[in-house]
PDB file of N, CA and C in Angstrom:
ATOM      1  N   MET A   1     276.398 171.150  13.411  1.00  0.00           N
ATOM      2  CA  MET A   1     275.009 171.051  13.042  1.00  0.00           C
ATOM      3  C   MET A   1     274.856 171.580  11.552  1.00  0.00           C
ATOM      4  N   ALA A   2     274.296 170.723  10.774  1.00  0.00           N
ATOM      5  CA  ALA A   2     274.129 170.973   9.381  1.00  0.00           C
ATOM      6  C   ALA A   2     273.192 172.268   9.055  1.00  0.00           C
ATOM      7  N   TYR A   3     272.224 172.590   9.923  1.00  0.00           N
ATOM      8  CA  TYR A   3     271.474 173.769   9.679  1.00  0.00           C
ATOM      9  C   TYR A   3     272.118 175.088   9.802  1.00  0.00           C
ATOM     10  N   GLN A   4     273.179 175.133  10.678  1.00  0.00           N
ATOM     11  CA  GLN A   4     274.077 176.326  10.857  1.00  0.00           C
ATOM     12  C   GLN A   4     274.765 176.580   9.544  1.00  0.00           C
ATOM     13  N   LYS A   5     275.245 175.546   8.920  1.00  0.00           N
ATOM     14  CA  LYS A   5     275.898 175.659   7.591  1.00  0.00           C
ATOM     15  C   LYS A   5     274.904 176.087   6.546  1.00  0.00           C
ATOM     16  N   ILE A   6     273.817 175.519   6.541  1.00  0.00           N
ATOM     17  CA  ILE A   6     272.774 175.935   5.620  1.00  0.00           C
ATOM     18  C   ILE A   6     272.382 177.451   5.649  1.00  0.00           C
ATOM     19  N   VAL A   7     272.255 177.887   6.870  1.00  0.00           N
ATOM     20  CA  VAL A   7     271.747 179.206   7.215  1.00  0.00           C
ATOM     21  C   VAL A   7     272.788 180.129   6.534  1.00  0.00           C
ATOM     22  N   LYS A   8     274.075 179.808   6.648  1.00  0.00           N
ATOM     23  CA  LYS A   8     275.098 180.691   6.105  1.00  0.00           C
ATOM     24  C   LYS A   8     274.991 180.944   4.657  1.00  0.00           C
ATOM     25  N   THR A   9     274.328 180.179   3.836  1.00  0.00           N
ATOM     26  CA  THR A   9     274.073 180.374   2.480  1.00  0.00           C
ATOM     27  C   THR A   9     272.798 181.103   2.211  1.00  0.00           C
ATOM     28  N   ILE A  10     272.060 181.527   3.169  1.00  0.00           N
ATOM     29  CA  ILE A  10     270.840 182.396   2.940  1.00  0.00           C
ATOM     30  C   ILE A  10     271.288 183.787   2.925  1.00  0.00           C
ATOM     31  N   PRO A  11     270.823 184.495   1.761  1.00  0.00           N
ATOM     32  CA  PRO A  11     271.130 185.972   1.783  1.00  0.00           C
ATOM     33  C   PRO A  11     270.527 186.652   2.969  1.00  0.00           C
ATOM     34  N   VAL A  12     271.277 187.634   3.600  1.00  0.00           N
ATOM     35  CA  VAL A  12     270.854 188.348   4.680  1.00  0.00           C
ATOM     36  C   VAL A  12     269.550 189.073   4.420  1.00  0.00           C
ATOM     37  N   GLU A  13     269.391 189.683   3.291  1.00  0.00           N
ATOM     38  CA  GLU A  13     268.129 190.341   2.880  1.00  0.00           C
ATOM     39  C   GLU A  13     266.843 189.381   2.955  1.00  0.00           C
ATOM     40  N   LYS A  14     267.010 188.011   2.905  1.00  0.00           N
ATOM     41  CA  LYS A  14     265.888 187.205   2.886  1.00  0.00           C
ATOM     42  C   LYS A  14     265.641 186.568   4.288  1.00  0.00           C
ATOM     43  N   ARG A  15     266.437 186.821   5.186  1.00  0.00           N
ATOM     44  CA  ARG A  15     266.435 186.144   6.609  1.00  0.00           C
ATOM     45  C   ARG A  15     265.246 186.695   7.291  1.00  0.00           C
ATOM     46  N   GLU A  16     264.932 187.914   7.344  1.00  0.00           N
ATOM     47  CA  GLU A  16     263.786 188.370   8.116  1.00  0.00           C
ATOM     48  C   GLU A  16     262.407 187.823   7.699  1.00  0.00           C
ATOM     49  N   LYS A  17     262.180 187.775   6.420  1.00  0.00           N
ATOM     50  CA  LYS A  17     261.111 187.222   5.853  1.00  0.00           C
ATOM     51  C   LYS A  17     260.958 185.692   6.045  1.00  0.00           C
ATOM     52  N   LEU A  18     262.128 185.016   6.021  1.00  0.00           N
ATOM     53  CA  LEU A  18     262.133 183.637   6.241  1.00  0.00           C
ATOM     54  C   LEU A  18     261.890 183.280   7.836  1.00  0.00           C
ATOM     55  N   SER A  19     262.523 184.089   8.628  1.00  0.00           N
ATOM     56  CA  SER A  19     262.282 183.897   9.966  1.00  0.00           C
ATOM     57  C   SER A  19     260.859 184.100  10.387  1.00  0.00           C
ATOM     58  N   ASP A  20     260.286 185.145   9.950  1.00  0.00           N
ATOM     59  CA  ASP A  20     258.872 185.375  10.305  1.00  0.00           C
ATOM     60  C   ASP A  20     257.948 184.242   9.707  1.00  0.00           C
ATOM     61  N   LYS A  21     258.072 183.778   8.505  1.00  0.00           N
ATOM     62  CA  LYS A  21     257.287 182.702   8.077  1.00  0.00           C
ATOM     63  C   LYS A  21     257.648 181.367   8.722  1.00  0.00           C
ATOM     64  N   LEU A  22     258.894 181.136   9.163  1.00  0.00           N
ATOM     65  CA  LEU A  22     259.073 179.749   9.926  1.00  0.00           C
ATOM     66  C   LEU A  22     258.582 179.854  11.186  1.00  0.00           C
ATOM     67  N   LEU A  23     258.670 180.947  11.926  1.00  0.00           N
ATOM     68  CA  LEU A  23     258.143 181.094  13.119  1.00  0.00           C
ATOM     69  C   LEU A  23     256.625 180.881  13.027  1.00  0.00           C
ATOM     70  N   ASN A  24     255.928 181.392  12.139  1.00  0.00           N
ATOM     71  CA  ASN A  24     254.486 181.159  11.852  1.00  0.00           C
ATOM     72  C   ASN A  24     254.125 179.718  11.671  1.00  0.00           C
ATOM     73  N   PHE A  25     255.005 179.034  10.901  1.00  0.00           N
ATOM     74  CA  PHE A  25     254.748 177.551  10.696  1.00  0.00           C
ATOM     75  C   PHE A  25     254.943 176.756  12.095  1.00  0.00           C
ATOM     76  N   VAL A  26     255.892 177.157  12.747  1.00  0.00           N
ATOM     77  CA  VAL A  26     256.212 176.468  13.989  1.00  0.00           C
ATOM     78  C   VAL A  26     255.086 176.624  15.022  1.00  0.00           C
ATOM     79  N   LEU A  27     254.629 177.896  15.228  1.00  0.00           N
ATOM     80  CA  LEU A  27     253.631 178.285  16.251  1.00  0.00           C
ATOM     81  C   LEU A  27     252.273 177.763  15.894  1.00  0.00           C
ATOM     82  N   LYS A  28     251.868 177.582  14.552  1.00  0.00           N
ATOM     83  CA  LYS A  28     250.598 176.966  14.161  1.00  0.00           C
ATOM     84  C   LYS A  28     250.597 175.564  13.973  1.00  0.00           C
ATOM     85  N   SER A  29     251.568 175.014  13.927  1.00  0.00           N
ATOM     86  CA  SER A  29     251.685 173.583  13.586  1.00  0.00           C
ATOM     87  C   SER A  29     250.780 172.735  14.715  1.00  0.00           C
ATOM     88  N   LYS A  30     250.199 171.729  14.273  1.00  0.00           N
ATOM     89  CA  LYS A  30     249.473 170.762  15.008  1.00  0.00           C
ATOM     90  C   LYS A  30     250.352 169.555  15.429  1.00  0.00           C
ATOM     91  N   LYS A  31     251.509 169.563  15.024  1.00  0.00           N
ATOM     92  CA  LYS A  31     252.518 168.416  15.379  1.00  0.00           C
ATOM     93  C   LYS A  31     253.477 168.882  16.423  1.00  0.00           C
ATOM     94  N   GLU A  32     253.020 169.743  17.440  1.00  0.00           N
ATOM     95  CA  GLU A  32     254.135 170.203  18.402  1.00  0.00           C
ATOM     96  C   GLU A  32     254.778 169.101  19.205  1.00  0.00           C
ATOM     97  N   ASP A  33     254.006 167.992  19.248  1.00  0.00           N
ATOM     98  CA  ASP A  33     254.677 166.836  20.050  1.00  0.00           C
ATOM     99  C   ASP A  33     255.946 166.284  19.417  1.00  0.00           C
ATOM    100  N   LYS A  34     256.139 166.553  18.090  1.00  0.00           N
ATOM    101  CA  LYS A  34     257.362 166.163  17.425  1.00  0.00           C
ATOM    102  C   LYS A  34     258.598 167.032  17.716  1.00  0.00           C
ATOM    103  N   MET A  35     258.281 168.162  18.357  1.00  0.00           N
ATOM    104  CA  MET A  35     259.287 169.102  18.762  1.00  0.00           C
ATOM    105  C   MET A  35     260.094 168.712  20.028  1.00  0.00           C
ATOM    106  N   PRO A  36     261.401 168.362  19.950  1.00  0.00           N
ATOM    107  CA  PRO A  36     262.214 168.091  21.068  1.00  0.00           C
ATOM    108  C   PRO A  36     262.203 169.254  21.903  1.00  0.00           C
ATOM    109  N   SER A  37     262.270 169.022  23.305  1.00  0.00           N
ATOM    110  CA  SER A  37     262.189 170.157  24.314  1.00  0.00           C
ATOM    111  C   SER A  37     263.551 171.083  24.087  1.00  0.00           C
ATOM    112  N   ASP A  38     264.650 170.387  23.918  1.00  0.00           N
ATOM    113  CA  ASP A  38     265.920 171.085  23.777  1.00  0.00           C
ATOM    114  C   ASP A  38     265.901 172.038  22.587  1.00  0.00           C
ATOM    115  N   LEU A  39     265.276 171.574  21.491  1.00  0.00           N
ATOM    116  CA  LEU A  39     265.085 172.538  20.356  1.00  0.00           C
ATOM    117  C   LEU A  39     264.106 173.718  20.691  1.00  0.00           C
ATOM    118  N   ALA A  40     263.067 173.445  21.326  1.00  0.00           N
ATOM    119  CA  ALA A  40     262.110 174.516  21.763  1.00  0.00           C
ATOM    120  C   ALA A  40     262.958 175.541  22.733  1.00  0.00           C
ATOM    121  N   ASN A  41     263.739 175.082  23.635  1.00  0.00           N
ATOM    122  CA  ASN A  41     264.461 175.784  24.583  1.00  0.00           C
ATOM    123  C   ASN A  41     265.450 176.644  23.705  1.00  0.00           C
ATOM    124  N   THR A  42     266.119 176.097  22.796  1.00  0.00           N
ATOM    125  CA  THR A  42     266.973 176.931  21.967  1.00  0.00           C
ATOM    126  C   THR A  42     266.383 177.989  21.304  1.00  0.00           C
ATOM    127  N   ILE A  43     265.273 177.727  20.749  1.00  0.00           N
ATOM    128  CA  ILE A  43     264.418 178.849  20.029  1.00  0.00           C
ATOM    129  C   ILE A  43     264.116 179.907  20.968  1.00  0.00           C
ATOM    130  N   LEU A  44     263.552 179.579  22.108  1.00  0.00           N
ATOM    131  CA  LEU A  44     263.201 180.559  23.060  1.00  0.00           C
ATOM    132  C   LEU A  44     264.392 181.371  23.677  1.00  0.00           C
ATOM    133  N   ASN A  45     265.560 180.722  23.788  1.00  0.00           N
ATOM    134  CA  ASN A  45     266.715 181.393  24.287  1.00  0.00           C
ATOM    135  C   ASN A  45     267.205 182.431  23.221  1.00  0.00           C
ATOM    136  N   GLN A  46     267.225 181.904  21.953  1.00  0.00           N
ATOM    137  CA  GLN A  46     267.621 182.801  20.905  1.00  0.00           C
ATOM    138  C   GLN A  46     266.753 183.994  20.726  1.00  0.00           C
ATOM    139  N   TRP A  47     265.460 183.769  20.875  1.00  0.00           N
ATOM    140  CA  TRP A  47     264.415 184.864  20.850  1.00  0.00           C
ATOM    141  C   TRP A  47     264.622 185.895  22.018  1.00  0.00           C
ATOM    142  N   GLN A  48     265.068 185.387  23.075  1.00  0.00           N
ATOM    143  CA  GLN A  48     265.234 186.395  24.182  1.00  0.00           C
ATOM    144  C   GLN A  48     266.445 187.135  24.040  1.00  0.00           C
ATOM    145  N   LEU A  49     267.425 186.651  23.244  1.00  0.00           N
ATOM    146  CA  LEU A  49     268.693 187.436  22.899  1.00  0.00           C
ATOM    147  C   LEU A  49     268.531 188.449  21.792  1.00  0.00           C
ATOM    148  N   GLY A  50     267.412 188.239  21.054  1.00  0.00           N
ATOM    149  CA  GLY A  50     267.249 189.223  20.046  1.00  0.00           C
ATOM    150  C   GLY A  50     266.367 188.640  18.873  1.00  0.00           C
ATOM    151  N   PRO A  51     266.322 189.182  17.704  1.00  0.00           N
ATOM    152  CA  PRO A  51     265.705 188.678  16.595  1.00  0.00           C
ATOM    153  C   PRO A  51     266.004 187.361  16.118  1.00  0.00           C
ATOM    154  N   LEU A  52     265.156 186.487  15.622  1.00  0.00           N
ATOM    155  CA  LEU A  52     265.569 185.174  15.074  1.00  0.00           C
ATOM    156  C   LEU A  52     266.181 185.132  13.769  1.00  0.00           C
ATOM    157  N   THR A  53     266.708 186.312  13.393  1.00  0.00           N
ATOM    158  CA  THR A  53     267.366 186.365  12.062  1.00  0.00           C
ATOM    159  C   THR A  53     268.914 186.052  12.185  1.00  0.00           C
ATOM    160  N   THR A  54     269.401 185.862  13.386  1.00  0.00           N
ATOM    161  CA  THR A  54     270.759 185.637  13.565  1.00  0.00           C
ATOM    162  C   THR A  54     271.037 184.186  13.117  1.00  0.00           C
ATOM    163  N   GLU A  55     272.191 183.807  12.816  1.00  0.00           N
ATOM    164  CA  GLU A  55     272.522 182.459  12.191  1.00  0.00           C
ATOM    165  C   GLU A  55     272.081 181.379  13.229  1.00  0.00           C
ATOM    166  N   ALA A  56     272.313 181.544  14.465  1.00  0.00           N
ATOM    167  CA  ALA A  56     271.923 180.496  15.472  1.00  0.00           C
ATOM    168  C   ALA A  56     270.366 180.477  15.694  1.00  0.00           C
ATOM    169  N   GLY A  57     269.828 181.577  15.619  1.00  0.00           N
ATOM    170  CA  GLY A  57     268.239 181.672  15.864  1.00  0.00           C
ATOM    171  C   GLY A  57     267.606 181.136  14.652  1.00  0.00           C
ATOM    172  N   LEU A  58     268.074 181.495  13.446  1.00  0.00           N
ATOM    173  CA  LEU A  58     267.441 181.081  12.198  1.00  0.00           C
ATOM    174  C   LEU A  58     267.795 179.450  12.038  1.00  0.00           C
ATOM    175  N   ALA A  59     268.954 178.943  12.409  1.00  0.00           N
ATOM    176  CA  ALA A  59     269.200 177.571  12.281  1.00  0.00           C
ATOM    177  C   ALA A  59     268.209 176.696  13.175  1.00  0.00           C
ATOM    178  N   ALA A  60     267.896 177.190  14.405  1.00  0.00           N
ATOM    179  CA  ALA A  60     267.065 176.466  15.225  1.00  0.00           C
ATOM    180  C   ALA A  60     265.705 176.554  14.739  1.00  0.00           C
ATOM    181  N   LEU A  61     265.300 177.650  14.168  1.00  0.00           N
ATOM    182  CA  LEU A  61     263.904 177.823  13.620  1.00  0.00           C
ATOM    183  C   LEU A  61     263.627 177.020  12.485  1.00  0.00           C
ATOM    184  N   LEU A  62     264.727 176.934  11.553  1.00  0.00           N
ATOM    185  CA  LEU A  62     264.626 176.145  10.324  1.00  0.00           C
ATOM    186  C   LEU A  62     264.538 174.589  10.739  1.00  0.00           C
ATOM    187  N   GLU A  63     265.347 174.281  11.549  1.00  0.00           N
ATOM    188  CA  GLU A  63     265.306 172.783  12.082  1.00  0.00           C
ATOM    189  C   GLU A  63     263.837 172.517  12.551  1.00  0.00           C
ATOM    190  N   ALA A  64     263.316 173.315  13.420  1.00  0.00           N
ATOM    191  CA  ALA A  64     261.951 173.079  13.923  1.00  0.00           C
ATOM    192  C   ALA A  64     260.909 173.220  12.764  1.00  0.00           C
ATOM    193  N   ALA A  65     261.011 174.058  11.938  1.00  0.00           N
ATOM    194  CA  ALA A  65     259.989 174.155  10.785  1.00  0.00           C
ATOM    195  C   ALA A  65     260.141 172.962   9.901  1.00  0.00           C
ATOM    196  N   VAL A  66     261.333 172.453   9.598  1.00  0.00           N
ATOM    197  CA  VAL A  66     261.372 171.304   8.706  1.00  0.00           C
ATOM    198  C   VAL A  66     260.896 169.983   9.497  1.00  0.00           C
ATOM    199  N   LEU A  67     261.077 170.003  10.856  1.00  0.00           N
ATOM    200  CA  LEU A  67     260.712 168.901  11.647  1.00  0.00           C
ATOM    201  C   LEU A  67     259.203 168.811  11.705  1.00  0.00           C
ATOM    202  N   LEU A  68     258.568 169.930  11.894  1.00  0.00           N
ATOM    203  CA  LEU A  68     257.044 169.993  12.153  1.00  0.00           C
ATOM    204  C   LEU A  68     256.296 170.233  10.928  1.00  0.00           C
ATOM    205  N   GLU A  69     256.825 171.039  10.032  1.00  0.00           N
ATOM    206  CA  GLU A  69     256.096 171.405   8.759  1.00  0.00           C
ATOM    207  C   GLU A  69     256.983 171.445   7.468  1.00  0.00           C
ATOM    208  N   SER A  70     257.504 170.212   7.304  1.00  0.00           N
ATOM    209  CA  SER A  70     258.476 170.018   6.129  1.00  0.00           C
ATOM    210  C   SER A  70     258.015 170.433   4.888  1.00  0.00           C
ATOM    211  N   GLU A  71     256.850 170.096   4.394  1.00  0.00           N
ATOM    212  CA  GLU A  71     256.318 170.357   3.046  1.00  0.00           C
ATOM    213  C   GLU A  71     256.121 171.965   3.015  1.00  0.00           C
ATOM    214  N   LYS A  72     255.486 172.527   3.832  1.00  0.00           N
ATOM    215  CA  LYS A  72     255.262 173.976   3.849  1.00  0.00           C
ATOM    216  C   LYS A  72     256.563 174.731   3.753  1.00  0.00           C
ATOM    217  N   THR A  73     257.487 174.361   4.675  1.00  0.00           N
ATOM    218  CA  THR A  73     258.912 174.993   4.701  1.00  0.00           C
ATOM    219  C   THR A  73     259.552 174.940   3.280  1.00  0.00           C
ATOM    220  N   MET A  74     259.604 173.693   2.749  1.00  0.00           N
ATOM    221  CA  MET A  74     260.328 173.446   1.518  1.00  0.00           C
ATOM    222  C   MET A  74     259.598 174.326   0.366  1.00  0.00           C
ATOM    223  N   GLU A  75     258.263 174.267   0.401  1.00  0.00           N
ATOM    224  CA  GLU A  75     257.575 175.079  -0.633  1.00  0.00           C
ATOM    225  C   GLU A  75     257.937 176.536  -0.502  1.00  0.00           C
ATOM    226  N   PHE A  76     257.899 176.997   0.662  1.00  0.00           N
ATOM    227  CA  PHE A  76     258.157 178.431   0.847  1.00  0.00           C
ATOM    228  C   PHE A  76     259.637 178.729   0.426  1.00  0.00           C
ATOM    229  N   LEU A  77     260.543 177.914   0.753  1.00  0.00           N
ATOM    230  CA  LEU A  77     261.885 178.201   0.371  1.00  0.00           C
ATOM    231  C   LEU A  77     262.054 178.135  -1.148  1.00  0.00           C
ATOM    232  N   GLU A  78     261.468 177.163  -1.714  1.00  0.00           N
ATOM    233  CA  GLU A  78     261.641 176.971  -3.248  1.00  0.00           C
ATOM    234  C   GLU A  78     260.871 178.105  -4.027  1.00  0.00           C
ATOM    235  N   GLN A  79     259.591 178.261  -3.699  1.00  0.00           N
ATOM    236  CA  GLN A  79     258.738 179.043  -4.696  1.00  0.00           C
ATOM    237  C   GLN A  79     258.678 180.472  -4.187  1.00  0.00           C
ATOM    238  N   GLU A  80     258.565 180.834  -3.018  1.00  0.00           N
ATOM    239  CA  GLU A  80     258.491 182.286  -2.528  1.00  0.00           C
ATOM    240  C   GLU A  80     259.748 182.932  -2.481  1.00  0.00           C
ATOM    241  N   LEU A  81     260.852 182.313  -1.808  1.00  0.00           N
ATOM    242  CA  LEU A  81     262.149 182.830  -1.631  1.00  0.00           C
ATOM    243  C   LEU A  81     263.103 182.520  -2.716  1.00  0.00           C
ATOM    244  N   GLN A  82     262.689 181.524  -3.601  1.00  0.00           N
ATOM    245  CA  GLN A  82     263.569 181.191  -4.675  1.00  0.00           C
ATOM    246  C   GLN A  82     264.946 180.621  -4.115  1.00  0.00           C
ATOM    247  N   LEU A  83     264.955 179.938  -3.078  1.00  0.00           N
ATOM    248  CA  LEU A  83     266.282 179.397  -2.428  1.00  0.00           C
ATOM    249  C   LEU A  83     266.231 177.820  -2.630  1.00  0.00           C
ATOM    250  N   VAL A  84     266.254 177.540  -3.886  1.00  0.00           N
ATOM    251  CA  VAL A  84     266.113 176.133  -4.276  1.00  0.00           C
ATOM    252  C   VAL A  84     267.358 175.323  -3.747  1.00  0.00           C
ATOM    253  N   ASP A  85     268.640 175.972  -3.823  1.00  0.00           N
ATOM    254  CA  ASP A  85     269.776 175.449  -3.222  1.00  0.00           C
ATOM    255  C   ASP A  85     269.692 175.108  -1.758  1.00  0.00           C
ATOM    256  N   VAL A  86     269.028 176.037  -1.090  1.00  0.00           N
ATOM    257  CA  VAL A  86     268.841 175.792   0.437  1.00  0.00           C
ATOM    258  C   VAL A  86     267.997 174.658   0.611  1.00  0.00           C
ATOM    259  N   ALA A  87     266.839 174.603  -0.054  1.00  0.00           N
ATOM    260  CA  ALA A  87     265.958 173.462   0.099  1.00  0.00           C
ATOM    261  C   ALA A  87     266.599 172.125  -0.305  1.00  0.00           C
ATOM    262  N   LYS A  88     267.428 172.055  -1.339  1.00  0.00           N
ATOM    263  CA  LYS A  88     268.097 170.959  -1.698  1.00  0.00           C
ATOM    264  C   LYS A  88     269.213 170.467  -0.502  1.00  0.00           C
ATOM    265  N   ALA A  89     269.853 171.536   0.023  1.00  0.00           N
ATOM    266  CA  ALA A  89     270.764 171.168   1.046  1.00  0.00           C
ATOM    267  C   ALA A  89     269.997 170.607   2.296  1.00  0.00           C
ATOM    268  N   ILE A  90     268.870 171.056   2.559  1.00  0.00           N
ATOM    269  CA  ILE A  90     267.989 170.620   3.770  1.00  0.00           C
ATOM    270  C   ILE A  90     267.624 169.111   3.437  1.00  0.00           C
ATOM    271  N   LYS A  91     267.154 168.885   2.168  1.00  0.00           N
ATOM    272  CA  LYS A  91     266.777 167.517   1.830  1.00  0.00           C
ATOM    273  C   LYS A  91     267.983 166.514   1.987  1.00  0.00           C
ATOM    274  N   GLU A  92     269.207 166.946   1.609  1.00  0.00           N
ATOM    275  CA  GLU A  92     270.337 166.022   1.613  1.00  0.00           C
ATOM    276  C   GLU A  92     270.842 165.886   2.993  1.00  0.00           C
ATOM    277  N   ALA A  93     270.527 166.877   3.925  1.00  0.00           N
ATOM    278  CA  ALA A  93     270.950 166.821   5.374  1.00  0.00           C
ATOM    279  C   ALA A  93     270.013 165.991   6.146  1.00  0.00           C
ATOM    280  N   LYS A  94     268.788 165.675   5.833  1.00  0.00           N
ATOM    281  CA  LYS A  94     267.939 164.840   6.542  1.00  0.00           C
ATOM    282  C   LYS A  94     268.241 163.341   6.690  1.00  0.00           C
TER     283      LYS A  94
END
């Protein structure tokens, strides 16, 4: 999965803020019908195991956020977290 490779490039100190914001995007999205049930289950399972800041949890969350709220996610990555390379990698993986 491309998102797990991408998550490995995200500095550990930025993962909690990223996780919180992505979760917010996913939960508030009006496009929930675009979310595949297996991806939703993966997020829920990862959340039960602990914080969504792990590589697997963050990868699933990032995939869901890009799927549901791509523009907001990219803007947050590029402008607030200054993770331009991560945003570029996501665009290339699409």
